[in-house]
Each structure stands twice: as C-alpha cells, then as structure tokens.
Amino acid sequence: MLKKLLITAAMLGQFGVAAQAAEIWVVTEGTSAPARGTWQVTADGKKVSGSADMINARGQHVTFKLAGTVSNDAYDLQRVNASDGSVCMYKGSMKTPGKISGSAVCGASSTAWNVTRN
C-alpha cells in the first residue's frame, strides 16, 4: 500500500500537481508597537491563500483573508475582506529558513512585515 502511495505521489509531482501545504505564520507589522497575530496559510504551487487573526497597533481585533503568490522565496500577498476595511499589500522574501521579512503597505504608509513560519 505504501509503495502504491509513493508511486502516485511521484506521478502527481511529475505532472506538476502540487499538494497543498497548510502552515501557521506568526506575523508582526511595524516596529515600535507592532500589530501581531497568526495567519493560517496554504500554498498550492505558486498560489498562496489563507486567513488572518491579528491585533492591530491600537489593540483592536482584525480578521481578513489572504491571496497572493510566491516565486523563488519572494512573497506578494494582499488582504481581502478585512474586518476593519483596511487594504494592505505585503511584499517580502525568505532570508533564512522559516523567516520572511519585507514591508506591509497599507494605504500611503509602509512598515516592516516579519513572519516566522511554523
């Protein structure tokens, strides 16, 4: 049975079918009083999606969906349907294994964005 599963997995990989991998990301936005929270992220090939549960810099609870792409360890994500109506874009790259750093651009302001992938 195990041999059959391994052969099937190998065949799917050969035809470019990627299995979805779910992760929990611990996220901070900002430096002095950062927003913080967790993102549940699923990668399917180059597509990334998920949901976020954050506490913003003012101490308010914010939830939103995520949509974006990853290519060569470069991430390009955006908030979708944020509970506070904020529109943000996230751009970053993996500098060390499991760590993503970059910027969060919300409206006209930009701040640091850091992720630890679990």
N, C-alpha and C. Protein backbone atom coordinates (compact mmCIF):
# COMPACT_ATOMS: atom_id res chain seq x y z
N MET A 1 0.83 -1.20 0.00
CA MET A 1 0.00 0.00 0.00
C MET A 1 0.87 1.25 0.00
N LEU A 2 1.91 1.29 0.85
CA LEU A 2 2.79 2.45 0.92
C LEU A 2 3.49 2.67 -0.42
N LYS A 3 3.92 1.58 -1.06
CA LYS A 3 4.58 1.68 -2.35
C LYS A 3 3.64 2.32 -3.37
N LYS A 4 2.38 1.94 -3.35
CA LYS A 4 1.38 2.48 -4.26
C LYS A 4 1.19 3.98 -4.03
N LEU A 5 1.15 4.41 -2.75
CA LEU A 5 1.01 5.84 -2.43
C LEU A 5 2.22 6.63 -2.90
N LEU A 6 3.42 6.08 -2.71
CA LEU A 6 4.63 6.78 -3.13
C LEU A 6 4.68 6.92 -4.65
N ILE A 7 4.28 5.90 -5.36
CA ILE A 7 4.25 5.96 -6.83
C ILE A 7 3.24 7.01 -7.28
N THR A 8 2.07 7.03 -6.66
CA THR A 8 1.05 8.02 -7.02
C THR A 8 1.55 9.43 -6.74
N ALA A 9 2.18 9.65 -5.60
CA ALA A 9 2.72 10.97 -5.26
C ALA A 9 3.79 11.39 -6.26
N ALA A 10 4.64 10.45 -6.65
CA ALA A 10 5.69 10.76 -7.62
C ALA A 10 5.09 11.13 -8.97
N MET A 11 4.05 10.42 -9.38
CA MET A 11 3.40 10.71 -10.66
C MET A 11 2.75 12.09 -10.63
N LEU A 12 2.09 12.45 -9.53
CA LEU A 12 1.47 13.77 -9.43
C LEU A 12 2.53 14.85 -9.52
N GLY A 13 3.66 14.67 -8.85
CA GLY A 13 4.74 15.65 -8.91
C GLY A 13 5.29 15.79 -10.31
N GLN A 14 5.37 14.67 -11.04
CA GLN A 14 5.88 14.67 -12.41
C GLN A 14 5.00 15.50 -13.33
N PHE A 15 3.69 15.53 -13.08
CA PHE A 15 2.78 16.26 -13.94
C PHE A 15 2.48 17.65 -13.42
N GLY A 16 3.25 18.12 -12.43
CA GLY A 16 3.09 19.49 -11.96
C GLY A 16 1.93 19.70 -11.01
N VAL A 17 1.38 18.65 -10.45
CA VAL A 17 0.28 18.79 -9.50
C VAL A 17 0.91 18.88 -8.11
N ALA A 18 0.76 20.04 -7.47
CA ALA A 18 1.36 20.23 -6.15
C ALA A 18 0.32 20.02 -5.06
N ALA A 19 0.72 19.32 -4.04
CA ALA A 19 -0.17 19.14 -2.90
C ALA A 19 -0.21 20.41 -2.07
N GLN A 20 -1.35 20.71 -1.49
CA GLN A 20 -1.48 21.88 -0.65
C GLN A 20 -0.80 21.63 0.68
N ALA A 21 -0.10 22.66 1.18
CA ALA A 21 0.59 22.56 2.46
C ALA A 21 0.11 23.69 3.36
N ALA A 22 -0.51 23.35 4.49
CA ALA A 22 -1.02 24.36 5.42
C ALA A 22 0.02 24.66 6.48
N GLU A 23 0.15 25.94 6.83
CA GLU A 23 1.10 26.38 7.84
C GLU A 23 0.46 27.45 8.71
N ILE A 24 1.02 27.62 9.90
CA ILE A 24 0.67 28.74 10.76
C ILE A 24 1.84 29.71 10.71
N TRP A 25 1.57 30.97 10.39
CA TRP A 25 2.59 32.00 10.38
C TRP A 25 2.35 32.93 11.56
N VAL A 26 3.40 33.22 12.32
CA VAL A 26 3.34 34.23 13.37
C VAL A 26 3.85 35.52 12.75
N VAL A 27 2.99 36.57 12.77
CA VAL A 27 3.24 37.78 11.99
C VAL A 27 3.31 39.01 12.88
N THR A 28 4.23 39.93 12.54
CA THR A 28 4.23 41.27 13.13
C THR A 28 4.29 42.28 11.99
N GLU A 29 3.62 43.39 12.21
CA GLU A 29 3.65 44.53 11.27
C GLU A 29 4.03 45.75 12.09
N GLY A 30 5.09 46.44 11.70
CA GLY A 30 5.51 47.63 12.42
C GLY A 30 6.69 47.33 13.32
N THR A 31 7.18 48.39 14.00
CA THR A 31 8.37 48.21 14.83
C THR A 31 8.14 48.61 16.28
N SER A 32 7.71 49.84 16.56
CA SER A 32 7.62 50.28 17.95
C SER A 32 6.45 49.66 18.71
N ALA A 33 5.27 49.64 18.13
CA ALA A 33 4.09 49.00 18.73
C ALA A 33 3.45 48.14 17.64
N PRO A 34 4.08 47.01 17.34
CA PRO A 34 3.64 46.25 16.16
C PRO A 34 2.27 45.60 16.31
N ALA A 35 1.59 45.53 15.17
CA ALA A 35 0.42 44.66 15.08
C ALA A 35 0.96 43.24 15.11
N ARG A 36 0.19 42.32 15.66
CA ARG A 36 0.69 40.95 15.79
C ARG A 36 -0.47 39.97 15.68
N GLY A 37 -0.14 38.76 15.28
CA GLY A 37 -1.16 37.73 15.19
C GLY A 37 -0.68 36.52 14.44
N THR A 38 -1.64 35.70 14.03
CA THR A 38 -1.32 34.49 13.28
C THR A 38 -2.08 34.46 11.97
N TRP A 39 -1.44 33.88 11.00
CA TRP A 39 -2.05 33.64 9.70
C TRP A 39 -2.04 32.13 9.47
N GLN A 40 -3.16 31.60 8.98
CA GLN A 40 -3.21 30.21 8.53
C GLN A 40 -3.08 30.27 7.01
N VAL A 41 -1.98 29.73 6.50
CA VAL A 41 -1.62 29.92 5.10
C VAL A 41 -1.53 28.57 4.40
N THR A 42 -2.07 28.52 3.18
CA THR A 42 -1.98 27.34 2.34
C THR A 42 -1.31 27.74 1.03
N ALA A 43 -0.29 26.99 0.66
CA ALA A 43 0.38 27.21 -0.62
C ALA A 43 0.01 26.07 -1.55
N ASP A 44 -0.36 26.42 -2.76
CA ASP A 44 -0.70 25.45 -3.78
C ASP A 44 0.04 25.86 -5.04
N GLY A 45 1.23 25.28 -5.22
CA GLY A 45 2.09 25.74 -6.30
C GLY A 45 2.56 27.14 -5.99
N LYS A 46 2.33 28.08 -6.91
CA LYS A 46 2.72 29.47 -6.69
C LYS A 46 1.63 30.30 -6.03
N LYS A 47 0.44 29.74 -5.88
CA LYS A 47 -0.68 30.46 -5.26
C LYS A 47 -0.64 30.30 -3.76
N VAL A 48 -0.89 31.41 -3.05
CA VAL A 48 -0.94 31.40 -1.60
C VAL A 48 -2.29 31.98 -1.18
N SER A 49 -2.93 31.35 -0.19
CA SER A 49 -4.20 31.88 0.32
C SER A 49 -4.27 31.55 1.81
N GLY A 50 -5.21 32.18 2.48
CA GLY A 50 -5.35 31.89 3.90
C GLY A 50 -6.24 32.87 4.61
N SER A 51 -6.14 32.85 5.95
CA SER A 51 -6.91 33.76 6.78
C SER A 51 -6.03 34.25 7.91
N ALA A 52 -6.34 35.44 8.42
CA ALA A 52 -5.52 36.07 9.45
C ALA A 52 -6.37 36.50 10.63
N ASP A 53 -5.76 36.44 11.78
CA ASP A 53 -6.37 36.87 13.03
C ASP A 53 -5.31 37.72 13.73
N MET A 54 -5.51 39.04 13.75
CA MET A 54 -4.48 39.97 14.23
C MET A 54 -5.02 40.91 15.31
N ILE A 55 -4.12 41.47 16.08
CA ILE A 55 -4.40 42.59 16.97
C ILE A 55 -3.60 43.75 16.40
N ASN A 56 -4.27 44.83 15.99
CA ASN A 56 -3.55 45.94 15.36
C ASN A 56 -2.82 46.78 16.41
N ALA A 57 -2.08 47.79 15.96
CA ALA A 57 -1.27 48.63 16.84
C ALA A 57 -2.12 49.39 17.86
N ARG A 58 -3.41 49.55 17.61
CA ARG A 58 -4.32 50.23 18.56
C ARG A 58 -5.01 49.23 19.50
N GLY A 59 -4.63 47.95 19.40
CA GLY A 59 -5.20 46.93 20.28
C GLY A 59 -6.52 46.37 19.81
N GLN A 60 -6.92 46.67 18.57
CA GLN A 60 -8.20 46.18 18.04
C GLN A 60 -8.01 44.86 17.30
N HIS A 61 -9.01 43.98 17.43
CA HIS A 61 -9.00 42.70 16.76
C HIS A 61 -9.37 42.90 15.29
N VAL A 62 -8.57 42.33 14.38
CA VAL A 62 -8.81 42.45 12.94
C VAL A 62 -8.67 41.06 12.30
N THR A 63 -9.61 40.72 11.43
CA THR A 63 -9.51 39.48 10.68
C THR A 63 -9.58 39.80 9.19
N PHE A 64 -8.98 38.94 8.39
CA PHE A 64 -9.05 39.12 6.93
C PHE A 64 -8.61 37.84 6.24
N LYS A 65 -8.88 37.79 4.96
CA LYS A 65 -8.43 36.69 4.11
C LYS A 65 -7.16 37.15 3.40
N LEU A 66 -6.41 36.20 2.90
CA LEU A 66 -5.17 36.48 2.18
C LEU A 66 -5.22 35.85 0.80
N ALA A 67 -4.60 36.53 -0.16
CA ALA A 67 -4.46 35.98 -1.50
C ALA A 67 -3.16 36.51 -2.08
N GLY A 68 -2.44 35.68 -2.82
CA GLY A 68 -1.20 36.14 -3.42
C GLY A 68 -0.42 35.03 -4.06
N THR A 69 0.89 35.32 -4.24
CA THR A 69 1.77 34.38 -4.92
C THR A 69 3.12 34.30 -4.20
N VAL A 70 3.81 33.21 -4.48
CA VAL A 70 5.20 33.04 -4.04
C VAL A 70 5.98 32.51 -5.24
N SER A 71 7.18 33.07 -5.42
CA SER A 71 8.04 32.64 -6.51
C SER A 71 9.49 32.85 -6.08
N ASN A 72 10.27 31.79 -6.08
CA ASN A 72 11.66 31.85 -5.66
C ASN A 72 11.83 32.51 -4.30
N ASP A 73 11.02 32.12 -3.34
CA ASP A 73 11.04 32.63 -1.97
C ASP A 73 10.68 34.11 -1.86
N ALA A 74 10.07 34.69 -2.90
CA ALA A 74 9.57 36.07 -2.85
C ALA A 74 8.05 36.01 -2.74
N TYR A 75 7.50 36.67 -1.71
CA TYR A 75 6.08 36.63 -1.42
C TYR A 75 5.43 37.95 -1.80
N ASP A 76 4.25 37.88 -2.41
CA ASP A 76 3.46 39.04 -2.81
C ASP A 76 2.01 38.73 -2.43
N LEU A 77 1.55 39.28 -1.31
CA LEU A 77 0.23 38.95 -0.77
C LEU A 77 -0.60 40.22 -0.56
N GLN A 78 -1.91 40.05 -0.45
CA GLN A 78 -2.79 41.17 -0.15
C GLN A 78 -3.91 40.74 0.80
N ARG A 79 -4.40 41.72 1.56
CA ARG A 79 -5.56 41.49 2.42
C ARG A 79 -6.81 41.48 1.56
N VAL A 80 -7.73 40.62 1.92
CA VAL A 80 -9.02 40.55 1.24
C VAL A 80 -10.10 40.57 2.32
N ASN A 81 -11.09 41.43 2.16
CA ASN A 81 -12.23 41.50 3.09
C ASN A 81 -11.81 41.68 4.55
N ALA A 82 -10.97 42.67 4.81
CA ALA A 82 -10.54 42.94 6.19
C ALA A 82 -11.71 43.46 7.02
N SER A 83 -11.80 42.98 8.26
CA SER A 83 -12.91 43.39 9.13
C SER A 83 -12.89 44.88 9.46
N ASP A 84 -11.72 45.51 9.38
CA ASP A 84 -11.62 46.95 9.64
C ASP A 84 -11.59 47.78 8.36
N GLY A 85 -11.75 47.12 7.21
CA GLY A 85 -11.79 47.81 5.93
C GLY A 85 -10.42 48.21 5.39
N SER A 86 -9.35 47.89 6.09
CA SER A 86 -8.02 48.30 5.64
C SER A 86 -7.56 47.46 4.44
N VAL A 87 -6.87 48.12 3.55
CA VAL A 87 -6.33 47.47 2.36
C VAL A 87 -4.81 47.49 2.49
N CYS A 88 -4.20 46.33 2.49
CA CYS A 88 -2.75 46.23 2.66
C CYS A 88 -2.17 45.26 1.64
N MET A 89 -0.95 45.56 1.23
CA MET A 89 -0.17 44.68 0.36
C MET A 89 1.08 44.29 1.14
N TYR A 90 1.48 43.03 1.02
CA TYR A 90 2.66 42.52 1.71
C TYR A 90 3.65 42.01 0.68
N LYS A 91 4.88 42.49 0.78
CA LYS A 91 5.95 42.02 -0.11
C LYS A 91 7.14 41.67 0.75
N GLY A 92 7.67 40.48 0.54
CA GLY A 92 8.82 40.07 1.33
C GLY A 92 9.49 38.86 0.75
N SER A 93 10.60 38.49 1.36
CA SER A 93 11.32 37.32 0.90
C SER A 93 11.87 36.56 2.09
N MET A 94 12.15 35.28 1.84
CA MET A 94 12.69 34.42 2.88
C MET A 94 14.21 34.59 2.87
N LYS A 95 14.75 35.23 3.91
CA LYS A 95 16.20 35.45 4.01
C LYS A 95 16.88 34.25 4.67
N THR A 96 16.22 33.67 5.67
CA THR A 96 16.71 32.47 6.34
C THR A 96 15.54 31.49 6.39
N PRO A 97 15.80 30.20 6.49
CA PRO A 97 14.71 29.23 6.50
C PRO A 97 13.66 29.54 7.59
N GLY A 98 12.40 29.60 7.15
CA GLY A 98 11.30 29.82 8.08
C GLY A 98 11.05 31.27 8.46
N LYS A 99 11.85 32.20 7.94
CA LYS A 99 11.69 33.63 8.28
C LYS A 99 11.49 34.44 7.01
N ILE A 100 10.41 35.21 6.99
CA ILE A 100 10.12 36.10 5.86
C ILE A 100 10.17 37.52 6.39
N SER A 101 10.81 38.41 5.65
CA SER A 101 10.81 39.82 6.04
C SER A 101 10.58 40.67 4.81
N GLY A 102 9.95 41.82 5.05
CA GLY A 102 9.65 42.72 3.95
C GLY A 102 8.86 43.90 4.45
N SER A 103 7.89 44.33 3.65
CA SER A 103 7.11 45.51 4.03
C SER A 103 5.62 45.26 3.86
N ALA A 104 4.86 45.92 4.73
CA ALA A 104 3.40 45.95 4.64
C ALA A 104 3.05 47.36 4.22
N VAL A 105 2.36 47.50 3.10
CA VAL A 105 1.95 48.81 2.61
C VAL A 105 0.44 48.90 2.76
N CYS A 106 0.00 49.79 3.66
CA CYS A 106 -1.42 49.98 3.93
C CYS A 106 -1.75 51.44 3.60
N GLY A 107 -2.50 51.63 2.51
CA GLY A 107 -2.77 53.00 2.08
C GLY A 107 -1.48 53.67 1.66
N ALA A 108 -1.19 54.83 2.23
CA ALA A 108 0.01 55.58 1.88
C ALA A 108 1.19 55.27 2.80
N SER A 109 0.98 54.44 3.82
CA SER A 109 2.08 54.18 4.76
C SER A 109 2.66 52.78 4.56
N SER A 110 3.95 52.67 4.85
CA SER A 110 4.67 51.42 4.73
C SER A 110 5.36 51.13 6.06
N THR A 111 5.39 49.87 6.45
CA THR A 111 6.03 49.47 7.70
C THR A 111 6.66 48.10 7.53
N ALA A 112 7.47 47.71 8.49
CA ALA A 112 8.12 46.40 8.45
C ALA A 112 7.08 45.29 8.59
N TRP A 113 7.33 44.18 7.93
CA TRP A 113 6.48 42.98 8.00
C TRP A 113 7.41 41.80 8.22
N ASN A 114 7.18 41.04 9.28
CA ASN A 114 8.03 39.91 9.61
C ASN A 114 7.18 38.68 9.92
N VAL A 115 7.65 37.54 9.45
CA VAL A 115 6.93 36.28 9.60
C VAL A 115 7.87 35.20 10.10
N THR A 116 7.37 34.41 11.03
CA THR A 116 8.03 33.16 11.41
C THR A 116 7.06 32.05 11.02
N ARG A 117 7.50 31.19 10.12
CA ARG A 117 6.66 30.10 9.63
C ARG A 117 6.78 28.90 10.56
N ASN A 118 5.65 28.33 10.94
CA ASN A 118 5.63 27.13 11.78
C ASN A 118 5.10 25.96 10.99
